C-alpha cells in the first residue's frame, strides 16, 4: 500500500451539514476500499486567487491516507463525479 495526500475543495454555497457529510463520505470510502485515513485536516473557507466554477471561495480539506493504487483511482473517480467538489488533487508521498 502507498501513502497519498488528498486535497479537495468543497463549494462554499453548500450547508455545513452537507460539507461534513461529504468529508465523512470520502473518509469512509477510503476505509471501504481497504485503506486507512492517517490524518484529516479541515482547513476551512479560503478565498481563491481566481474564480473557479463561478465561486470565489471554497472549503478546503486535506486527507493523508494509506491505500492501494486502485483505491486511489476510485476515490479520484468518485470525487470527479461529486457535484459538491470543485477541485481535487491527489499526490503520492
PDB file of N, CA and C in Angstrom:
ATOM      1  N   UNK A   1       0.844  -1.181   0.000  1.00  0.00           N
ATOM      2  CA  UNK A   1       0.000   0.000   0.000  1.00  0.00           C
ATOM      3  C   UNK A   1       0.887   1.240   0.000  1.00  0.00           C
ATOM      4  N   UNK A   2       0.372   2.270  -0.648  1.00  0.00           N
ATOM      5  CA  UNK A   2       1.105   3.528  -0.758  1.00  0.00           C
ATOM      6  C   UNK A   2       0.434   4.606   0.078  1.00  0.00           C
ATOM      7  N   UNK A   3       1.188   5.655   0.371  1.00  0.00           N
ATOM      8  CA  UNK A   3       0.652   6.807   1.104  1.00  0.00           C
ATOM      9  C   UNK A   3       0.324   7.904   0.102  1.00  0.00           C
ATOM     10  N   UNK A   4      -0.853   8.521   0.275  1.00  0.00           N
ATOM     11  CA  UNK A   4      -1.315   9.589  -0.607  1.00  0.00           C
ATOM     12  C   UNK A   4      -1.760  10.783   0.222  1.00  0.00           C
ATOM     13  N   UNK A   5      -1.612  11.953  -0.381  1.00  0.00           N
ATOM     14  CA  UNK A   5      -2.128  13.183   0.191  1.00  0.00           C
ATOM     15  C   UNK A   5      -3.249  13.661  -0.722  1.00  0.00           C
ATOM     16  N   UNK A   6      -4.442  13.797  -0.180  1.00  0.00           N
ATOM     17  CA  UNK A   6      -5.616  14.188  -0.968  1.00  0.00           C
ATOM     18  C   UNK A   6      -6.099  15.546  -0.465  1.00  0.00           C
ATOM     19  N   UNK A   7      -6.065  16.526  -1.352  1.00  0.00           N
ATOM     20  CA  UNK A   7      -6.576  17.855  -1.040  1.00  0.00           C
ATOM     21  C   UNK A   7      -7.767  18.106  -1.951  1.00  0.00           C
ATOM     22  N   UNK A   8      -8.899  18.463  -1.359  1.00  0.00           N
ATOM     23  CA  UNK A   8     -10.069  18.769  -2.185  1.00  0.00           C
ATOM     24  C   UNK A   8     -10.792  19.997  -1.662  1.00  0.00           C
ATOM     25  N   UNK A   9     -11.544  20.632  -2.578  1.00  0.00           N
ATOM     26  CA  UNK A   9     -12.252  21.869  -2.263  1.00  0.00           C
ATOM     27  C   UNK A   9     -13.748  21.641  -2.455  1.00  0.00           C
ATOM     28  N   UNK A  10     -14.513  21.941  -1.411  1.00  0.00           N
ATOM     29  CA  UNK A  10     -15.969  21.824  -1.450  1.00  0.00           C
ATOM     30  C   UNK A  10     -16.543  23.207  -1.733  1.00  0.00           C
ATOM     31  N   UNK A  11     -17.593  23.254  -2.533  1.00  0.00           N
ATOM     32  CA  UNK A  11     -18.253  24.533  -2.869  1.00  0.00           C
ATOM     33  C   UNK A  11     -18.633  25.280  -1.595  1.00  0.00           C
ATOM     34  N   UNK A  12     -18.524  26.604  -1.612  1.00  0.00           N
ATOM     35  CA  UNK A  12     -18.816  27.407  -0.420  1.00  0.00           C
ATOM     36  C   UNK A  12     -20.318  27.575  -0.178  1.00  0.00           C
ATOM     37  N   UNK A  13     -21.143  27.377  -1.210  1.00  0.00           N
ATOM     38  CA  UNK A  13     -22.588  27.575  -1.042  1.00  0.00           C
ATOM     39  C   UNK A  13     -23.298  26.338  -0.494  1.00  0.00           C
ATOM     40  N   UNK A  14     -22.544  25.329  -0.100  1.00  0.00           N
ATOM     41  CA  UNK A  14     -23.103  24.105   0.482  1.00  0.00           C
ATOM     42  C   UNK A  14     -23.247  24.314   1.998  1.00  0.00           C
ATOM     43  N   UNK A  15     -24.354  23.845   2.580  1.00  0.00           N
ATOM     44  CA  UNK A  15     -24.592  23.985   4.009  1.00  0.00           C
ATOM     45  C   UNK A  15     -23.533  23.213   4.801  1.00  0.00           C
ATOM     46  N   UNK A  16     -23.323  23.607   6.067  1.00  0.00           N
ATOM     47  CA  UNK A  16     -22.302  22.990   6.913  1.00  0.00           C
ATOM     48  C   UNK A  16     -22.553  21.501   7.128  1.00  0.00           C
ATOM     49  N   UNK A  17     -23.823  21.116   7.302  1.00  0.00           N
ATOM     50  CA  UNK A  17     -24.140  19.700   7.495  1.00  0.00           C
ATOM     51  C   UNK A  17     -23.742  18.886   6.269  1.00  0.00           C
ATOM     52  N   UNK A  18     -23.995  19.431   5.109  1.00  0.00           N
ATOM     53  CA  UNK A  18     -23.646  18.745   3.850  1.00  0.00           C
ATOM     54  C   UNK A  18     -22.130  18.664   3.669  1.00  0.00           C
ATOM     55  N   UNK A  19     -21.405  19.725   4.065  1.00  0.00           N
ATOM     56  CA  UNK A  19     -19.938  19.703   3.994  1.00  0.00           C
ATOM     57  C   UNK A  19     -19.383  18.575   4.852  1.00  0.00           C
ATOM     58  N   UNK A  20     -19.896  18.463   6.077  1.00  0.00           N
ATOM     59  CA  UNK A  20     -19.447  17.398   6.978  1.00  0.00           C
ATOM     60  C   UNK A  20     -19.795  16.028   6.417  1.00  0.00           C
ATOM     61  N   UNK A  21     -20.960  15.920   5.773  1.00  0.00           N
ATOM     62  CA  UNK A  21     -21.366  14.649   5.168  1.00  0.00           C
ATOM     63  C   UNK A  21     -20.422  14.268   4.030  1.00  0.00           C
ATOM     64  N   UNK A  22     -19.986  15.248   3.242  1.00  0.00           N
ATOM     65  CA  UNK A  22     -19.062  14.983   2.131  1.00  0.00           C
ATOM     66  C   UNK A  22     -17.708  14.530   2.679  1.00  0.00           C
ATOM     67  N   UNK A  23     -17.217  15.208   3.718  1.00  0.00           N
ATOM     68  CA  UNK A  23     -15.940  14.832   4.338  1.00  0.00           C
ATOM     69  C   UNK A  23     -16.027  13.405   4.880  1.00  0.00           C
ATOM     70  N   UNK A  24     -17.109  13.093   5.579  1.00  0.00           N
ATOM     71  CA  UNK A  24     -17.304  11.742   6.118  1.00  0.00           C
ATOM     72  C   UNK A  24     -17.425  10.708   5.005  1.00  0.00           C
ATOM     73  N   UNK A  25     -18.094  11.075   3.923  1.00  0.00           N
ATOM     74  CA  UNK A  25     -18.283  10.164   2.793  1.00  0.00           C
ATOM     75  C   UNK A  25     -16.945   9.695   2.238  1.00  0.00           C
ATOM     76  N   UNK A  26     -16.030  10.638   2.008  1.00  0.00           N
ATOM     77  CA  UNK A  26     -14.749  10.267   1.420  1.00  0.00           C
ATOM     78  C   UNK A  26     -13.815   9.608   2.427  1.00  0.00           C
ATOM     79  N   UNK A  27     -13.918   9.965   3.698  1.00  0.00           N
ATOM     80  CA  UNK A  27     -13.132   9.281   4.730  1.00  0.00           C
ATOM     81  C   UNK A  27     -13.597   7.830   4.857  1.00  0.00           C
ATOM     82  N   UNK A  28     -14.912   7.605   4.822  1.00  0.00           N
ATOM     83  CA  UNK A  28     -15.456   6.249   4.901  1.00  0.00           C
ATOM     84  C   UNK A  28     -15.144   5.454   3.641  1.00  0.00           C
ATOM     85  N   UNK A  29     -15.106   6.129   2.485  1.00  0.00           N
ATOM     86  CA  UNK A  29     -14.794   5.460   1.224  1.00  0.00           C
ATOM     87  C   UNK A  29     -13.397   4.850   1.262  1.00  0.00           C
ATOM     88  N   UNK A  30     -12.453   5.571   1.855  1.00  0.00           N
ATOM     89  CA  UNK A  30     -11.086   5.046   1.973  1.00  0.00           C
ATOM     90  C   UNK A  30     -11.100   3.741   2.764  1.00  0.00           C
ATOM     91  N   UNK A  31     -11.818   3.717   3.871  1.00  0.00           N
ATOM     92  CA  UNK A  31     -11.917   2.505   4.683  1.00  0.00           C
ATOM     93  C   UNK A  31     -12.625   1.378   3.956  1.00  0.00           C
ATOM     94  N   UNK A  32     -13.663   1.704   3.215  1.00  0.00           N
ATOM     95  CA  UNK A  32     -14.412   0.706   2.454  1.00  0.00           C
ATOM     96  C   UNK A  32     -13.537   0.044   1.392  1.00  0.00           C
ATOM     97  N   UNK A  33     -12.617   0.815   0.825  1.00  0.00           N
ATOM     98  CA  UNK A  33     -11.740   0.295  -0.229  1.00  0.00           C
ATOM     99  C   UNK A  33     -10.491  -0.383   0.326  1.00  0.00           C
ATOM    100  N   UNK A  34     -10.438  -0.574   1.643  1.00  0.00           N
ATOM    101  CA  UNK A  34      -9.336  -1.313   2.249  1.00  0.00           C
ATOM    102  C   UNK A  34      -8.172  -0.459   2.702  1.00  0.00           C
ATOM    103  N   UNK A  35      -8.333   0.848   2.691  1.00  0.00           N
ATOM    104  CA  UNK A  35      -7.263   1.748   3.124  1.00  0.00           C
ATOM    105  C   UNK A  35      -7.538   2.306   4.503  1.00  0.00           C
ATOM    106  N   UNK A  36      -6.701   3.246   4.911  1.00  0.00           N
ATOM    107  CA  UNK A  36      -6.899   3.895   6.209  1.00  0.00           C
ATOM    108  C   UNK A  36      -6.598   5.386   6.082  1.00  0.00           C
ATOM    109  N   UNK A  37      -7.325   6.178   6.852  1.00  0.00           N
ATOM    110  CA  UNK A  37      -7.107   7.618   6.893  1.00  0.00           C
ATOM    111  C   UNK A  37      -6.111   7.881   8.022  1.00  0.00           C
ATOM    112  N   UNK A  38      -4.917   8.381   7.655  1.00  0.00           N
ATOM    113  CA  UNK A  38      -3.880   8.659   8.646  1.00  0.00           C
ATOM    114  C   UNK A  38      -4.153   9.978   9.362  1.00  0.00           C
ATOM    115  N   UNK A  39      -4.597  10.985   8.620  1.00  0.00           N
ATOM    116  CA  UNK A  39      -4.973  12.262   9.237  1.00  0.00           C
ATOM    117  C   UNK A  39      -6.001  12.961   8.359  1.00  0.00           C
ATOM    118  N   UNK A  40      -6.822  13.766   8.999  1.00  0.00           N
ATOM    119  CA  UNK A  40      -7.870  14.522   8.314  1.00  0.00           C
ATOM    120  C   UNK A  40      -7.846  15.932   8.881  1.00  0.00           C
ATOM    121  N   UNK A  41      -7.598  16.905   8.011  1.00  0.00           N
ATOM    122  CA  UNK A  41      -7.460  18.288   8.452  1.00  0.00           C
ATOM    123  C   UNK A  41      -8.412  19.165   7.645  1.00  0.00           C
ATOM    124  N   UNK A  42      -9.361  19.794   8.341  1.00  0.00           N
ATOM    125  CA  UNK A  42     -10.302  20.711   7.681  1.00  0.00           C
ATOM    126  C   UNK A  42      -9.729  22.115   7.775  1.00  0.00           C
ATOM    127  N   UNK A  43      -9.285  22.651   6.648  1.00  0.00           N
ATOM    128  CA  UNK A  43      -8.680  23.985   6.617  1.00  0.00           C
ATOM    129  C   UNK A  43      -9.724  25.079   6.684  1.00  0.00           C
ATOM    130  N   UNK A  44     -10.930  24.792   6.268  1.00  0.00           N
ATOM    131  CA  UNK A  44     -11.991  25.785   6.324  1.00  0.00           C
ATOM    132  C   UNK A  44     -12.125  26.584   5.038  1.00  0.00           C
ATOM    133  N   UNK A  45     -12.854  27.682   5.124  1.00  0.00           N
ATOM    134  CA  UNK A  45     -13.171  28.525   3.974  1.00  0.00           C
ATOM    135  C   UNK A  45     -11.990  29.429   3.631  1.00  0.00           C
ATOM    136  N   UNK A  46     -11.582  29.415   2.363  1.00  0.00           N
ATOM    137  CA  UNK A  46     -10.475  30.253   1.888  1.00  0.00           C
ATOM    138  C   UNK A  46     -10.849  30.868   0.551  1.00  0.00           C
ATOM    139  N   UNK A  47     -10.344  32.086   0.315  1.00  0.00           N
ATOM    140  CA  UNK A  47     -10.578  32.769  -0.959  1.00  0.00           C
ATOM    141  C   UNK A  47      -9.673  32.190  -2.031  1.00  0.00           C
ATOM    142  N   UNK A  48     -10.181  32.177  -3.277  1.00  0.00           N
ATOM    143  CA  UNK A  48      -9.400  31.723  -4.426  1.00  0.00           C
ATOM    144  C   UNK A  48      -8.635  32.898  -5.027  1.00  0.00           C
ATOM    145  N   UNK A  49      -7.553  32.584  -5.713  1.00  0.00           N
ATOM    146  CA  UNK A  49      -6.807  33.605  -6.446  1.00  0.00           C
ATOM    147  C   UNK A  49      -7.588  34.018  -7.697  1.00  0.00           C
ATOM    148  N   UNK A  50      -8.389  33.081  -8.215  1.00  0.00           N
ATOM    149  CA  UNK A  50      -9.225  33.350  -9.386  1.00  0.00           C
ATOM    150  C   UNK A  50     -10.511  32.542  -9.235  1.00  0.00           C
ATOM    151  N   UNK A  51     -11.515  32.901  -9.986  1.00  0.00           N
ATOM    152  CA  UNK A  51     -12.828  32.268  -9.898  1.00  0.00           C
ATOM    153  C   UNK A  51     -12.789  30.841 -10.450  1.00  0.00           C
ATOM    154  N   UNK A  52     -13.383  29.915  -9.715  1.00  0.00           N
ATOM    155  CA  UNK A  52     -13.496  28.523 -10.152  1.00  0.00           C
ATOM    156  C   UNK A  52     -14.969  28.162 -10.137  1.00  0.00           C
ATOM    157  N   UNK A  53     -15.509  27.828 -11.292  1.00  0.00           N
ATOM    158  CA  UNK A  53     -16.915  27.423 -11.361  1.00  0.00           C
ATOM    159  C   UNK A  53     -17.858  28.454 -10.786  1.00  0.00           C
ATOM    160  N   UNK A  54     -17.616  29.721 -11.062  1.00  0.00           N
ATOM    161  CA  UNK A  54     -18.419  30.848 -10.579  1.00  0.00           C
ATOM    162  C   UNK A  54     -18.402  30.972  -9.054  1.00  0.00           C
ATOM    163  N   UNK A  55     -17.360  30.458  -8.421  1.00  0.00           N
ATOM    164  CA  UNK A  55     -17.188  30.547  -6.971  1.00  0.00           C
ATOM    165  C   UNK A  55     -15.917  31.349  -6.682  1.00  0.00           C
ATOM    166  N   UNK A  56     -15.948  32.188  -5.647  1.00  0.00           N
ATOM    167  CA  UNK A  56     -14.791  32.987  -5.261  1.00  0.00           C
ATOM    168  C   UNK A  56     -14.051  32.430  -4.051  1.00  0.00           C
ATOM    169  N   UNK A  57     -14.676  31.468  -3.360  1.00  0.00           N
ATOM    170  CA  UNK A  57     -14.046  30.831  -2.212  1.00  0.00           C
ATOM    171  C   UNK A  57     -14.548  29.409  -2.077  1.00  0.00           C
ATOM    172  N   UNK A  58     -13.810  28.609  -1.305  1.00  0.00           N
ATOM    173  CA  UNK A  58     -14.180  27.214  -1.133  1.00  0.00           C
ATOM    174  C   UNK A  58     -13.707  26.676   0.203  1.00  0.00           C
ATOM    175  N   UNK A  59     -14.230  25.523   0.578  1.00  0.00           N
ATOM    176  CA  UNK A  59     -13.913  24.866   1.848  1.00  0.00           C
ATOM    177  C   UNK A  59     -12.867  23.783   1.578  1.00  0.00           C
ATOM    178  N   UNK A  60     -11.658  23.980   2.105  1.00  0.00           N
ATOM    179  CA  UNK A  60     -10.535  23.084   1.842  1.00  0.00           C
ATOM    180  C   UNK A  60     -10.468  21.961   2.876  1.00  0.00           C
ATOM    181  N   UNK A  61     -10.176  20.745   2.393  1.00  0.00           N
ATOM    182  CA  UNK A  61      -9.999  19.583   3.265  1.00  0.00           C
ATOM    183  C   UNK A  61      -8.756  18.825   2.803  1.00  0.00           C
ATOM    184  N   UNK A  62      -7.881  18.465   3.745  1.00  0.00           N
ATOM    185  CA  UNK A  62      -6.670  17.698   3.453  1.00  0.00           C
ATOM    186  C   UNK A  62      -6.745  16.359   4.170  1.00  0.00           C
ATOM    187  N   UNK A  63      -6.580  15.267   3.409  1.00  0.00           N
ATOM    188  CA  UNK A  63      -6.560  13.920   3.984  1.00  0.00           C
ATOM    189  C   UNK A  63      -5.247  13.250   3.614  1.00  0.00           C
ATOM    190  N   UNK A  64      -4.609  12.627   4.590  1.00  0.00           N
ATOM    191  CA  UNK A  64      -3.469  11.768   4.329  1.00  0.00           C
ATOM    192  C   UNK A  64      -3.956  10.339   4.518  1.00  0.00           C
ATOM    193  N   UNK A  65      -3.806   9.521   3.473  1.00  0.00           N
ATOM    194  CA  UNK A  65      -4.352   8.172   3.502  1.00  0.00           C
ATOM    195  C   UNK A  65      -3.293   7.152   3.088  1.00  0.00           C
ATOM    196  N   UNK A  66      -3.532   5.914   3.476  1.00  0.00           N
ATOM    197  CA  UNK A  66      -2.746   4.778   3.026  1.00  0.00           C
ATOM    198  C   UNK A  66      -3.708   3.842   2.325  1.00  0.00           C
ATOM    199  N   UNK A  67      -3.470   3.583   1.026  1.00  0.00           N
ATOM    200  CA  UNK A  67      -4.364   2.720   0.263  1.00  0.00           C
ATOM    201  C   UNK A  67      -3.642   2.199  -0.979  1.00  0.00           C
ATOM    202  N   UNK A  68      -4.320   1.340  -1.705  1.00  0.00           N
ATOM    203  CA  UNK A  68      -3.763   0.799  -2.937  1.00  0.00           C
ATOM    204  C   UNK A  68      -3.951   1.791  -4.090  1.00  0.00           C
ATOM    205  N   UNK A  69      -3.259   1.533  -5.180  1.00  0.00           N
ATOM    206  CA  UNK A  69      -3.384   2.401  -6.359  1.00  0.00           C
ATOM    207  C   UNK A  69      -4.795   2.345  -6.930  1.00  0.00           C
ATOM    208  N   UNK A  70      -5.407   1.168  -6.897  1.00  0.00           N
ATOM    209  CA  UNK A  70      -6.771   1.007  -7.401  1.00  0.00           C
ATOM    210  C   UNK A  70      -7.762   1.797  -6.546  1.00  0.00           C
ATOM    211  N   UNK A  71      -7.567   1.788  -5.224  1.00  0.00           N
ATOM    212  CA  UNK A  71      -8.441   2.553  -4.324  1.00  0.00           C
ATOM    213  C   UNK A  71      -8.279   4.045  -4.579  1.00  0.00           C
ATOM    214  N   UNK A  72      -7.051   4.484  -4.808  1.00  0.00           N
ATOM    215  CA  UNK A  72      -6.793   5.899  -5.109  1.00  0.00           C
ATOM    216  C   UNK A  72      -7.515   6.314  -6.385  1.00  0.00           C
ATOM    217  N   UNK A  73      -7.485   5.464  -7.398  1.00  0.00           N
ATOM    218  CA  UNK A  73      -8.167   5.759  -8.659  1.00  0.00           C
ATOM    219  C   UNK A  73      -9.680   5.848  -8.457  1.00  0.00           C
ATOM    220  N   UNK A  74     -10.239   4.984  -7.612  1.00  0.00           N
ATOM    221  CA  UNK A  74     -11.681   5.004  -7.339  1.00  0.00           C
ATOM    222  C   UNK A  74     -12.078   6.256  -6.550  1.00  0.00           C
ATOM    223  N   UNK A  75     -11.247   6.659  -5.594  1.00  0.00           N
ATOM    224  CA  UNK A  75     -11.515   7.886  -4.832  1.00  0.00           C
ATOM    225  C   UNK A  75     -11.519   9.083  -5.781  1.00  0.00           C
ATOM    226  N   UNK A  76     -10.529   9.148  -6.670  1.00  0.00           N
ATOM    227  CA  UNK A  76     -10.440  10.234  -7.642  1.00  0.00           C
ATOM    228  C   UNK A  76     -11.666  10.254  -8.555  1.00  0.00           C
ATOM    229  N   UNK A  77     -12.098   9.086  -9.011  1.00  0.00           N
ATOM    230  CA  UNK A  77     -13.268   8.990  -9.887  1.00  0.00           C
ATOM    231  C   UNK A  77     -14.523   9.494  -9.181  1.00  0.00           C
ATOM    232  N   UNK A  78     -14.705   9.077  -7.927  1.00  0.00           N
ATOM    233  CA  UNK A  78     -15.904   9.496  -7.199  1.00  0.00           C
ATOM    234  C   UNK A  78     -15.887  10.986  -6.868  1.00  0.00           C
ATOM    235  N   UNK A  79     -14.695  11.544  -6.618  1.00  0.00           N
ATOM    236  CA  UNK A  79     -14.603  12.985  -6.366  1.00  0.00           C
ATOM    237  C   UNK A  79     -14.931  13.777  -7.628  1.00  0.00           C
ATOM    238  N   UNK A  80     -14.505  13.286  -8.784  1.00  0.00           N
ATOM    239  CA  UNK A  80     -14.807  13.968 -10.045  1.00  0.00           C
ATOM    240  C   UNK A  80     -16.311  13.951 -10.349  1.00  0.00           C
ATOM    241  N   UNK A  81     -17.015  12.921  -9.886  1.00  0.00           N
ATOM    242  CA  UNK A  81     -18.447  12.787 -10.147  1.00  0.00           C
ATOM    243  C   UNK A  81     -19.320  13.477  -9.098  1.00  0.00           C
ATOM    244  N   UNK A  82     -18.721  13.957  -8.017  1.00  0.00           N
ATOM    245  CA  UNK A  82     -19.477  14.619  -6.951  1.00  0.00           C
ATOM    246  C   UNK A  82     -19.620  16.104  -7.278  1.00  0.00           C
ATOM    247  N   UNK A  83     -20.854  16.597  -7.354  1.00  0.00           N
ATOM    248  CA  UNK A  83     -21.095  17.983  -7.752  1.00  0.00           C
ATOM    249  C   UNK A  83     -20.698  18.995  -6.680  1.00  0.00           C
ATOM    250  N   UNK A  84     -20.486  18.552  -5.445  1.00  0.00           N
ATOM    251  CA  UNK A  84     -20.088  19.486  -4.384  1.00  0.00           C
ATOM    252  C   UNK A  84     -18.581  19.753  -4.372  1.00  0.00           C
ATOM    253  N   UNK A  85     -17.803  18.934  -5.067  1.00  0.00           N
ATOM    254  CA  UNK A  85     -16.345  19.092  -5.123  1.00  0.00           C
ATOM    255  C   UNK A  85     -15.975  19.964  -6.321  1.00  0.00           C
ATOM    256  N   UNK A  86     -15.287  21.084  -6.061  1.00  0.00           N
ATOM    257  CA  UNK A  86     -14.835  21.958  -7.146  1.00  0.00           C
ATOM    258  C   UNK A  86     -13.535  21.444  -7.766  1.00  0.00           C
ATOM    259  N   UNK A  87     -12.566  21.095  -6.926  1.00  0.00           N
ATOM    260  CA  UNK A  87     -11.265  20.625  -7.387  1.00  0.00           C
ATOM    261  C   UNK A  87     -10.750  19.577  -6.414  1.00  0.00           C
ATOM    262  N   UNK A  88      -9.926  18.662  -6.932  1.00  0.00           N
ATOM    263  CA  UNK A  88      -9.242  17.714  -6.076  1.00  0.00           C
ATOM    264  C   UNK A  88      -7.849  17.476  -6.618  1.00  0.00           C
ATOM    265  N   UNK A  89      -6.945  17.142  -5.699  1.00  0.00           N
ATOM    266  CA  UNK A  89      -5.575  16.853  -6.090  1.00  0.00           C
ATOM    267  C   UNK A  89      -5.084  15.716  -5.218  1.00  0.00           C
ATOM    268  N   UNK A  90      -4.565  14.669  -5.849  1.00  0.00           N
ATOM    269  CA  UNK A  90      -4.072  13.508  -5.123  1.00  0.00           C
ATOM    270  C   UNK A  90      -2.590  13.342  -5.460  1.00  0.00           C
ATOM    271  N   UNK A  91      -1.751  13.374  -4.424  1.00  0.00           N
ATOM    272  CA  UNK A  91      -0.314  13.238  -4.599  1.00  0.00           C
ATOM    273  C   UNK A  91       0.185  12.009  -3.863  1.00  0.00           C
ATOM    274  N   UNK A  92       1.075  11.272  -4.497  1.00  0.00           N
ATOM    275  CA  UNK A  92       1.705  10.133  -3.843  1.00  0.00           C
ATOM    276  C   UNK A  92       2.879  10.639  -3.037  1.00  0.00           C
ATOM    277  N   UNK A  93       2.962  10.231  -1.781  1.00  0.00           N
ATOM    278  CA  UNK A  93       4.054  10.676  -0.910  1.00  0.00           C
ATOM    279  C   UNK A  93       5.291   9.833  -1.091  1.00  0.00           C
TER     280      UNK A  93
END
